[in-house]
Amino acid sequence: MSFLERLIAIGPIRKTIWRLWYPFLTRRLRDQDVQFLNYAFETDPPLGLTLNPKDEPNRVSIQLYHHVASQADLRGKEVLEVSCGHGGGASWITRSMQPKHYTALDLNPAGIQFCRERHRVNDLTFVQGDAQKLPFADSSLDAVINVEASHCYPDFPAFLDEVARVLRPGGHFLYADFRFSDLFNAWQDSVAAAPLKIIQTRDIGAEVLRGMGLNAERSLALINRCLPRFLNSLGRDFAGVPGSSVYDALKSGELSYHSWCFQKIQKV
């Protein structure tokens, strides 16, 4: 079992561990202009998404956000991203998909400070907050986005309840994440029991695996430059580089990566 797999599996203290890990990672990476903490996405043949030259270095990470967020029309909508990391996805969606307003929330105060300094974009706001206690009124949002973060939450069903609470009737929850095989059934059961209608779902493991490979050289350089040697193994898993236990688990099917589009149904 990989170190990352063990972290995901230990339930009650999971949030405390991630609460320490992400600020540490932000401090280590803040001078490297790392805007994305998610894995990646690439189709075969390549997706060929048109990007601004400044966004090109982050292409495969942006393409994961594009895959998730493009499942609904966000133009003119009130959008919340939960667990925004270093804000690269929030910045790109705000600039390219033109929501009315995009709020990006994360538990990591150091990460939110980085986002506020790095991403100065009209109609984009960064706030520090808890995914399981969203600081938003009932039925106040048109869409909620969550990319590769819910495996960190100690109570995933409670998070889904919070998403349903803050969405307006007809609003969308756009979601992607992974689980190891021993947690997959519980994950699927929670999704099926959520107070949201599944509009579509897709296994995107092959696309994520391909994106990991394209990101590998850059990720390894960051790991070697920014992390102490004793954390290199965790860093390789976190980055999903080829040869890491996470990469191998995804390749073998021991790790499943899926995306979903949900909708909050209007009550009659």
C-alpha atoms as a PDB file:
ATOM      1  CA  MET A   1       0.000   0.000   0.000  1.00  0.00           C
ATOM      2  CA  SER A   2       1.363   3.419  -0.969  1.00  0.00           C
ATOM      3  CA  PHE A   3       1.823   6.210   1.550  1.00  0.00           C
ATOM      4  CA  LEU A   4      -0.862   8.222  -0.256  1.00  0.00           C
ATOM      5  CA  GLU A   5      -3.244   5.246  -0.143  1.00  0.00           C
ATOM      6  CA  ARG A   6      -2.700   4.916   3.600  1.00  0.00           C
ATOM      7  CA  LEU A   7      -3.381   8.630   4.090  1.00  0.00           C
ATOM      8  CA  ILE A   8      -6.661   8.348   2.215  1.00  0.00           C
ATOM      9  CA  ALA A   9      -7.763   5.287   4.192  1.00  0.00           C
ATOM     10  CA  ILE A  10      -7.305   6.499   7.773  1.00  0.00           C
ATOM     11  CA  GLY A  11     -10.624   8.360   7.994  1.00  0.00           C
ATOM     12  CA  PRO A  12     -10.855  10.225  11.330  1.00  0.00           C
ATOM     13  CA  ILE A  13      -7.433  11.890  11.189  1.00  0.00           C
ATOM     14  CA  ARG A  14      -7.372  12.373   7.411  1.00  0.00           C
ATOM     15  CA  LYS A  15      -8.374  16.042   7.567  1.00  0.00           C
ATOM     16  CA  THR A  16      -5.654  16.847  10.112  1.00  0.00           C
ATOM     17  CA  ILE A  17      -2.961  15.247   7.958  1.00  0.00           C
ATOM     18  CA  TRP A  18      -4.038  17.085   4.810  1.00  0.00           C
ATOM     19  CA  ARG A  19      -4.376  20.317   6.827  1.00  0.00           C
ATOM     20  CA  LEU A  20      -0.626  20.031   7.541  1.00  0.00           C
ATOM     21  CA  TRP A  21       0.457  18.734   4.130  1.00  0.00           C
ATOM     22  CA  TYR A  22      -1.024  21.397   1.872  1.00  0.00           C
ATOM     23  CA  PRO A  23       0.367  24.499   3.658  1.00  0.00           C
ATOM     24  CA  PHE A  24       3.751  22.746   3.755  1.00  0.00           C
ATOM     25  CA  LEU A  25       3.498  22.101   0.015  1.00  0.00           C
ATOM     26  CA  THR A  26       2.484  25.698  -0.696  1.00  0.00           C
ATOM     27  CA  ARG A  27       5.486  27.029   1.225  1.00  0.00           C
ATOM     28  CA  ARG A  28       7.799  24.712  -0.695  1.00  0.00           C
ATOM     29  CA  LEU A  29       6.330  25.537  -4.104  1.00  0.00           C
ATOM     30  CA  ARG A  30       5.302  29.184  -3.832  1.00  0.00           C
ATOM     31  CA  ASP A  31       8.444  30.486  -5.589  1.00  0.00           C
ATOM     32  CA  GLN A  32       8.034  27.965  -8.438  1.00  0.00           C
ATOM     33  CA  ASP A  33       4.718  29.416  -9.682  1.00  0.00           C
ATOM     34  CA  VAL A  34       2.934  26.070  -9.336  1.00  0.00           C
ATOM     35  CA  GLN A  35      -0.689  26.933 -10.109  1.00  0.00           C
ATOM     36  CA  PHE A  36      -2.161  23.413 -10.269  1.00  0.00           C
ATOM     37  CA  LEU A  37      -2.071  20.639  -7.673  1.00  0.00           C
ATOM     38  CA  ASN A  38      -4.278  18.215  -9.626  1.00  0.00           C
ATOM     39  CA  TYR A  39      -3.256  15.411 -11.945  1.00  0.00           C
ATOM     40  CA  ALA A  40      -3.800  15.825 -15.669  1.00  0.00           C
ATOM     41  CA  PHE A  41      -5.931  14.853 -18.679  1.00  0.00           C
ATOM     42  CA  GLU A  42      -5.145  14.116 -22.303  1.00  0.00           C
ATOM     43  CA  THR A  43      -7.173  12.349 -24.952  1.00  0.00           C
ATOM     44  CA  ASP A  44      -5.988  10.195 -27.858  1.00  0.00           C
ATOM     45  CA  PRO A  45      -5.822  11.883 -30.313  1.00  0.00           C
ATOM     46  CA  PRO A  46      -4.867  14.978 -28.281  1.00  0.00           C
ATOM     47  CA  LEU A  47      -7.688  17.238 -27.157  1.00  0.00           C
ATOM     48  CA  GLY A  48      -6.104  20.261 -28.833  1.00  0.00           C
ATOM     49  CA  LEU A  49      -7.723  22.811 -26.550  1.00  0.00           C
ATOM     50  CA  THR A  50      -6.933  26.380 -27.659  1.00  0.00           C
ATOM     51  CA  LEU A  51      -4.970  28.123 -24.912  1.00  0.00           C
ATOM     52  CA  ASN A  52      -3.395  31.477 -24.235  1.00  0.00           C
ATOM     53  CA  PRO A  53       0.420  31.134 -24.557  1.00  0.00           C
ATOM     54  CA  LYS A  54       0.775  31.917 -20.835  1.00  0.00           C
ATOM     55  CA  ASP A  55      -1.466  28.945 -20.026  1.00  0.00           C
ATOM     56  CA  GLU A  56       0.319  26.514 -22.342  1.00  0.00           C
ATOM     57  CA  PRO A  57       2.809  25.170 -19.736  1.00  0.00           C
ATOM     58  CA  ASN A  58      -0.183  23.960 -17.692  1.00  0.00           C
ATOM     59  CA  ARG A  59      -2.058  22.439 -20.647  1.00  0.00           C
ATOM     60  CA  VAL A  60      -2.720  18.924 -19.325  1.00  0.00           C
ATOM     61  CA  SER A  61      -3.823  20.176 -15.900  1.00  0.00           C
ATOM     62  CA  ILE A  62      -6.110  22.757 -17.522  1.00  0.00           C
ATOM     63  CA  GLN A  63      -7.588  20.035 -19.720  1.00  0.00           C
ATOM     64  CA  LEU A  64      -8.742  18.146 -16.618  1.00  0.00           C
ATOM     65  CA  TYR A  65     -10.555  21.269 -15.452  1.00  0.00           C
ATOM     66  CA  HIS A  66     -11.985  21.762 -18.929  1.00  0.00           C
ATOM     67  CA  HIS A  67     -13.289  18.197 -19.008  1.00  0.00           C
ATOM     68  CA  VAL A  68     -15.041  18.658 -15.654  1.00  0.00           C
ATOM     69  CA  ALA A  69     -16.320  22.228 -15.995  1.00  0.00           C
ATOM     70  CA  SER A  70     -17.524  21.995 -19.607  1.00  0.00           C
ATOM     71  CA  GLN A  71     -20.190  19.472 -18.622  1.00  0.00           C
ATOM     72  CA  ALA A  72     -22.501  22.454 -17.994  1.00  0.00           C
ATOM     73  CA  ASP A  73     -22.765  25.971 -19.410  1.00  0.00           C
ATOM     74  CA  LEU A  74     -21.237  28.313 -16.816  1.00  0.00           C
ATOM     75  CA  ARG A  75     -21.677  31.548 -18.745  1.00  0.00           C
ATOM     76  CA  GLY A  76     -23.374  34.156 -16.553  1.00  0.00           C
ATOM     77  CA  LYS A  77     -23.643  31.744 -13.592  1.00  0.00           C
ATOM     78  CA  GLU A  78     -22.740  31.985  -9.910  1.00  0.00           C
ATOM     79  CA  VAL A  79     -20.068  29.299  -9.500  1.00  0.00           C
ATOM     80  CA  LEU A  80     -18.236  27.881  -6.485  1.00  0.00           C
ATOM     81  CA  GLU A  81     -15.133  25.733  -6.646  1.00  0.00           C
ATOM     82  CA  VAL A  82     -14.508  23.743  -3.471  1.00  0.00           C
ATOM     83  CA  SER A  83     -10.840  22.936  -2.720  1.00  0.00           C
ATOM     84  CA  CYS A  84      -9.271  25.149  -5.371  1.00  0.00           C
ATOM     85  CA  GLY A  85      -5.636  24.363  -4.511  1.00  0.00           C
ATOM     86  CA  HIS A  86      -3.353  26.992  -6.021  1.00  0.00           C
ATOM     87  CA  GLY A  87      -6.112  28.543  -8.104  1.00  0.00           C
ATOM     88  CA  GLY A  88      -4.973  27.807 -11.644  1.00  0.00           C
ATOM     89  CA  GLY A  89      -8.217  26.075 -12.546  1.00  0.00           C
ATOM     90  CA  ALA A  90     -10.312  28.844 -11.016  1.00  0.00           C
ATOM     91  CA  SER A  91      -8.403  31.472 -12.990  1.00  0.00           C
ATOM     92  CA  TRP A  92      -8.694  29.598 -16.269  1.00  0.00           C
ATOM     93  CA  ILE A  93     -12.415  28.839 -15.931  1.00  0.00           C
ATOM     94  CA  THR A  94     -13.201  32.454 -14.980  1.00  0.00           C
ATOM     95  CA  ARG A  95     -11.264  33.786 -17.955  1.00  0.00           C
ATOM     96  CA  SER A  96     -12.475  31.259 -20.518  1.00  0.00           C
ATOM     97  CA  MET A  97     -16.018  30.233 -19.504  1.00  0.00           C
ATOM     98  CA  GLN A  98     -17.240  33.659 -18.357  1.00  0.00           C
ATOM     99  CA  PRO A  99     -19.294  32.928 -15.240  1.00  0.00           C
ATOM    100  CA  LYS A 100     -21.031  35.880 -13.607  1.00  0.00           C
ATOM    101  CA  HIS A 101     -18.874  35.303 -10.545  1.00  0.00           C
ATOM    102  CA  TYR A 102     -16.531  32.522  -9.495  1.00  0.00           C
ATOM    103  CA  THR A 103     -15.721  31.898  -5.841  1.00  0.00           C
ATOM    104  CA  ALA A 104     -12.818  29.558  -5.123  1.00  0.00           C
ATOM    105  CA  LEU A 105     -12.610  28.089  -1.619  1.00  0.00           C
ATOM    106  CA  ASP A 106      -9.869  26.106   0.079  1.00  0.00           C
ATOM    107  CA  LEU A 107      -9.032  25.011   3.625  1.00  0.00           C
ATOM    108  CA  ASN A 108      -5.342  25.920   3.186  1.00  0.00           C
ATOM    109  CA  PRO A 109      -4.793  29.564   4.284  1.00  0.00           C
ATOM    110  CA  ALA A 110      -1.320  29.664   2.719  1.00  0.00           C
ATOM    111  CA  GLY A 111      -2.802  28.452  -0.552  1.00  0.00           C
ATOM    112  CA  ILE A 112      -5.526  31.094  -0.494  1.00  0.00           C
ATOM    113  CA  GLN A 113      -2.927  33.800   0.120  1.00  0.00           C
ATOM    114  CA  PHE A 114      -0.926  32.504  -2.859  1.00  0.00           C
ATOM    115  CA  CYS A 115      -4.082  32.527  -5.011  1.00  0.00           C
ATOM    116  CA  ARG A 116      -4.938  36.108  -4.080  1.00  0.00           C
ATOM    117  CA  GLU A 117      -1.451  37.270  -4.967  1.00  0.00           C
ATOM    118  CA  ARG A 118      -1.070  35.202  -8.161  1.00  0.00           C
ATOM    119  CA  HIS A 119      -4.529  35.314  -9.764  1.00  0.00           C
ATOM    120  CA  ARG A 120      -5.900  38.830 -10.059  1.00  0.00           C
ATOM    121  CA  VAL A 121      -8.853  38.178 -12.344  1.00  0.00           C
ATOM    122  CA  ASN A 122     -12.114  40.099 -12.633  1.00  0.00           C
ATOM    123  CA  ASP A 123     -15.127  38.284 -11.109  1.00  0.00           C
ATOM    124  CA  LEU A 124     -12.888  35.811  -9.238  1.00  0.00           C
ATOM    125  CA  THR A 125     -12.754  35.706  -5.433  1.00  0.00           C
ATOM    126  CA  PHE A 126     -10.726  33.412  -3.179  1.00  0.00           C
ATOM    127  CA  VAL A 127     -11.951  32.518   0.309  1.00  0.00           C
ATOM    128  CA  GLN A 128     -10.626  30.268   3.065  1.00  0.00           C
ATOM    129  CA  GLY A 129     -13.172  27.732   4.252  1.00  0.00           C
ATOM    130  CA  ASP A 130     -14.186  24.151   4.981  1.00  0.00           C
ATOM    131  CA  ALA A 131     -15.612  21.896   2.262  1.00  0.00           C
ATOM    132  CA  GLN A 132     -17.972  20.299   4.763  1.00  0.00           C
ATOM    133  CA  LYS A 133     -19.221  23.606   6.176  1.00  0.00           C
ATOM    134  CA  LEU A 134     -19.660  25.756   3.098  1.00  0.00           C
ATOM    135  CA  PRO A 135     -20.131  29.441   4.025  1.00  0.00           C
ATOM    136  CA  PHE A 136     -22.971  29.998   1.547  1.00  0.00           C
ATOM    137  CA  ALA A 137     -26.730  30.328   1.897  1.00  0.00           C
ATOM    138  CA  ASP A 138     -29.155  27.604   0.847  1.00  0.00           C
ATOM    139  CA  SER A 139     -29.951  27.554  -2.893  1.00  0.00           C
ATOM    140  CA  SER A 140     -27.533  30.411  -3.660  1.00  0.00           C
ATOM    141  CA  LEU A 141     -25.314  28.944  -6.407  1.00  0.00           C
ATOM    142  CA  ASP A 142     -25.779  27.763  -9.993  1.00  0.00           C
ATOM    143  CA  ALA A 143     -22.830  25.377 -10.074  1.00  0.00           C
ATOM    144  CA  VAL A 144     -20.309  23.753  -7.728  1.00  0.00           C
ATOM    145  CA  ILE A 145     -17.016  22.359  -9.023  1.00  0.00           C
ATOM    146  CA  ASN A 146     -14.783  19.896  -7.187  1.00  0.00           C
ATOM    147  CA  VAL A 147     -11.676  18.517  -8.874  1.00  0.00           C
ATOM    148  CA  GLU A 148      -9.576  15.773  -7.297  1.00  0.00           C
ATOM    149  CA  ALA A 149     -10.070  16.769  -3.673  1.00  0.00           C
ATOM    150  CA  SER A 150     -12.887  14.799  -2.050  1.00  0.00           C
ATOM    151  CA  HIS A 151     -10.597  11.877  -1.141  1.00  0.00           C
ATOM    152  CA  CYS A 152      -9.214  14.236   1.523  1.00  0.00           C
ATOM    153  CA  TYR A 153     -12.583  14.749   3.225  1.00  0.00           C
ATOM    154  CA  PRO A 154     -13.382  12.717   6.360  1.00  0.00           C
ATOM    155  CA  ASP A 155     -17.123  12.592   5.567  1.00  0.00           C
ATOM    156  CA  PHE A 156     -17.794  12.479   1.831  1.00  0.00           C
ATOM    157  CA  PRO A 157     -21.599  11.991   2.111  1.00  0.00           C
ATOM    158  CA  ALA A 158     -21.792  15.105   4.306  1.00  0.00           C
ATOM    159  CA  PHE A 159     -19.921  17.046   1.613  1.00  0.00           C
ATOM    160  CA  LEU A 160     -22.447  15.919  -1.012  1.00  0.00           C
ATOM    161  CA  ASP A 161     -25.262  17.095   1.290  1.00  0.00           C
ATOM    162  CA  GLU A 162     -23.577  20.496   1.557  1.00  0.00           C
ATOM    163  CA  VAL A 163     -23.268  20.735  -2.229  1.00  0.00           C
ATOM    164  CA  ALA A 164     -26.972  19.955  -2.624  1.00  0.00           C
ATOM    165  CA  ARG A 165     -27.843  22.524   0.049  1.00  0.00           C
ATOM    166  CA  VAL A 166     -26.076  25.461  -1.620  1.00  0.00           C
ATOM    167  CA  LEU A 167     -27.156  24.646  -5.184  1.00  0.00           C
ATOM    168  CA  ARG A 168     -30.235  26.255  -6.665  1.00  0.00           C
ATOM    169  CA  PRO A 169     -32.819  23.889  -8.152  1.00  0.00           C
ATOM    170  CA  GLY A 170     -31.539  22.984 -11.614  1.00  0.00           C
ATOM    171  CA  GLY A 171     -27.958  23.774 -10.603  1.00  0.00           C
ATOM    172  CA  HIS A 172     -25.054  21.481 -11.449  1.00  0.00           C
ATOM    173  CA  PHE A 173     -22.358  19.722  -9.462  1.00  0.00           C
ATOM    174  CA  LEU A 174     -19.319  19.084 -11.686  1.00  0.00           C
ATOM    175  CA  TYR A 175     -16.997  16.598 -10.075  1.00  0.00           C
ATOM    176  CA  ALA A 176     -13.959  14.373 -10.596  1.00  0.00           C
ATOM    177  CA  ASP A 177     -11.849  12.303  -8.230  1.00  0.00           C
ATOM    178  CA  PHE A 178     -10.272   8.910  -7.578  1.00  0.00           C
ATOM    179  CA  ARG A 179     -10.498   6.070  -5.082  1.00  0.00           C
ATOM    180  CA  PHE A 180      -8.434   2.945  -4.465  1.00  0.00           C
ATOM    181  CA  SER A 181     -10.195  -0.377  -4.981  1.00  0.00           C
ATOM    182  CA  ASP A 182     -10.932  -1.063  -1.307  1.00  0.00           C
ATOM    183  CA  LEU A 183     -12.843   2.232  -1.039  1.00  0.00           C
ATOM    184  CA  PHE A 184     -14.485   2.205  -4.468  1.00  0.00           C
ATOM    185  CA  ASN A 185     -17.800   0.567  -3.503  1.00  0.00           C
ATOM    186  CA  ALA A 186     -18.359   2.944  -0.587  1.00  0.00           C
ATOM    187  CA  TRP A 187     -17.612   5.862  -2.924  1.00  0.00           C
ATOM    188  CA  GLN A 188     -20.125   4.638  -5.502  1.00  0.00           C
ATOM    189  CA  ASP A 189     -22.744   4.028  -2.816  1.00  0.00           C
ATOM    190  CA  SER A 190     -22.324   7.582  -1.516  1.00  0.00           C
ATOM    191  CA  VAL A 191     -22.676   9.005  -5.013  1.00  0.00           C
ATOM    192  CA  ALA A 192     -25.817   6.949  -5.660  1.00  0.00           C
ATOM    193  CA  ALA A 193     -27.363   8.081  -2.357  1.00  0.00           C
ATOM    194  CA  ALA A 194     -26.632  11.778  -2.868  1.00  0.00           C
ATOM    195  CA  PRO A 195     -29.643  14.137  -3.128  1.00  0.00           C
ATOM    196  CA  LEU A 196     -28.637  14.911  -6.717  1.00  0.00           C
ATOM    197  CA  LYS A 197     -29.494  13.404 -10.101  1.00  0.00           C
ATOM    198  CA  ILE A 198     -26.640  11.881 -12.105  1.00  0.00           C
ATOM    199  CA  ILE A 199     -26.695  13.400 -15.595  1.00  0.00           C
ATOM    200  CA  GLN A 200     -23.569  11.664 -16.833  1.00  0.00           C
ATOM    201  CA  THR A 201     -20.502   9.855 -15.563  1.00  0.00           C
ATOM    202  CA  ARG A 202     -17.309   8.607 -17.141  1.00  0.00           C
ATOM    203  CA  ASP A 203     -14.235   6.594 -16.264  1.00  0.00           C
ATOM    204  CA  ILE A 204     -11.372   8.907 -17.243  1.00  0.00           C
ATOM    205  CA  GLY A 205      -8.502   6.791 -15.947  1.00  0.00           C
ATOM    206  CA  ALA A 206      -6.886   6.378 -19.377  1.00  0.00           C
ATOM    207  CA  GLU A 207      -6.951  10.129 -20.044  1.00  0.00           C
ATOM    208  CA  VAL A 208      -5.548  10.942 -16.591  1.00  0.00           C
ATOM    209  CA  LEU A 209      -2.811   8.333 -16.999  1.00  0.00           C
ATOM    210  CA  ARG A 210      -1.821   9.830 -20.356  1.00  0.00           C
ATOM    211  CA  GLY A 211      -1.735  13.313 -18.811  1.00  0.00           C
ATOM    212  CA  MET A 212       0.431  12.091 -15.927  1.00  0.00           C
ATOM    213  CA  GLY A 213       2.988  10.874 -18.428  1.00  0.00           C
ATOM    214  CA  LEU A 214       3.078  14.234 -20.181  1.00  0.00           C
ATOM    215  CA  ASN A 215       3.559  16.034 -16.860  1.00  0.00           C
ATOM    216  CA  ALA A 216       6.229  13.663 -15.548  1.00  0.00           C
ATOM    217  CA  GLU A 217       9.426  15.539 -16.442  1.00  0.00           C
ATOM    218  CA  ARG A 218       8.214  18.805 -14.954  1.00  0.00           C
ATOM    219  CA  SER A 219       6.839  17.096 -11.827  1.00  0.00           C
ATOM    220  CA  LEU A 220      10.038  15.176 -11.129  1.00  0.00           C
ATOM    221  CA  ALA A 221      12.108  18.329 -11.458  1.00  0.00           C
ATOM    222  CA  LEU A 222       9.879  20.096  -8.905  1.00  0.00           C
ATOM    223  CA  ILE A 223      10.061  17.152  -6.494  1.00  0.00           C
ATOM    224  CA  ASN A 224      13.838  16.990  -6.648  1.00  0.00           C
ATOM    225  CA  ARG A 225      14.199  20.744  -6.322  1.00  0.00           C
ATOM    226  CA  CYS A 226      11.597  21.505  -3.647  1.00  0.00           C
ATOM    227  CA  LEU A 227      11.043  18.502  -1.370  1.00  0.00           C
ATOM    228  CA  PRO A 228      13.419  16.973   1.179  1.00  0.00           C
ATOM    229  CA  ARG A 229      14.668  13.559   0.143  1.00  0.00           C
ATOM    230  CA  PHE A 230      12.604  11.654   2.740  1.00  0.00           C
ATOM    231  CA  LEU A 231       9.393  13.039   1.154  1.00  0.00           C
ATOM    232  CA  ASN A 232      10.332  12.239  -2.435  1.00  0.00           C
ATOM    233  CA  SER A 233       8.267   9.036  -2.511  1.00  0.00           C
ATOM    234  CA  LEU A 234       5.143  10.862  -1.299  1.00  0.00           C
ATOM    235  CA  GLY A 235       5.889  13.654  -3.769  1.00  0.00           C
ATOM    236  CA  ARG A 236       6.048  11.180  -6.666  1.00  0.00           C
ATOM    237  CA  ASP A 237       2.710   9.668  -5.616  1.00  0.00           C
ATOM    238  CA  PHE A 238       1.175  13.107  -5.170  1.00  0.00           C
ATOM    239  CA  ALA A 239       2.360  14.100  -8.659  1.00  0.00           C
ATOM    240  CA  GLY A 240       1.446  10.727 -10.192  1.00  0.00           C
ATOM    241  CA  VAL A 241       4.672  10.325 -12.121  1.00  0.00           C
ATOM    242  CA  PRO A 242       5.279   7.071 -14.058  1.00  0.00           C
ATOM    243  CA  GLY A 243       6.722   4.447 -11.727  1.00  0.00           C
ATOM    244  CA  SER A 244       4.999   5.839  -8.636  1.00  0.00           C
ATOM    245  CA  SER A 245       2.584   3.581  -6.772  1.00  0.00           C
ATOM    246  CA  VAL A 246      -0.339   5.851  -7.713  1.00  0.00           C
ATOM    247  CA  TYR A 247       0.526   5.735 -11.417  1.00  0.00           C
ATOM    248  CA  ASP A 248       0.943   1.968 -11.294  1.00  0.00           C
ATOM    249  CA  ALA A 249      -2.340   1.543  -9.381  1.00  0.00           C
ATOM    250  CA  LEU A 250      -4.233   3.586 -11.964  1.00  0.00           C
ATOM    251  CA  LYS A 251      -2.616   1.606 -14.767  1.00  0.00           C
ATOM    252  CA  SER A 252      -3.513  -1.744 -13.165  1.00  0.00           C
ATOM    253  CA  GLY A 253      -7.072  -0.767 -12.211  1.00  0.00           C
ATOM    254  CA  GLU A 254      -6.439  -0.734  -8.451  1.00  0.00           C
ATOM    255  CA  LEU A 255      -7.143   2.988  -8.594  1.00  0.00           C
ATOM    256  CA  SER A 256     -10.263   4.320 -10.335  1.00  0.00           C
ATOM    257  CA  TYR A 257     -10.644   7.895 -11.578  1.00  0.00           C
ATOM    258  CA  HIS A 258     -14.118   9.098 -12.591  1.00  0.00           C
ATOM    259  CA  SER A 259     -15.920  12.299 -13.492  1.00  0.00           C
ATOM    260  CA  TRP A 260     -19.585  13.160 -12.951  1.00  0.00           C
ATOM    261  CA  CYS A 261     -22.153  15.782 -13.809  1.00  0.00           C
ATOM    262  CA  PHE A 262     -25.012  16.002 -11.284  1.00  0.00           C
ATOM    263  CA  GLN A 263     -28.056  18.227 -11.208  1.00  0.00           C
ATOM    264  CA  LYS A 264     -30.220  19.375  -8.313  1.00  0.00           C
ATOM    265  CA  ILE A 265     -33.761  18.510  -9.234  1.00  0.00           C
ATOM    266  CA  GLN A 266     -36.486  21.074  -8.749  1.00  0.00           C
ATOM    267  CA  LYS A 267     -39.135  20.021  -6.233  1.00  0.00           C
ATOM    268  CA  VAL A 268     -42.667  19.829  -7.587  1.00  0.00           C
END
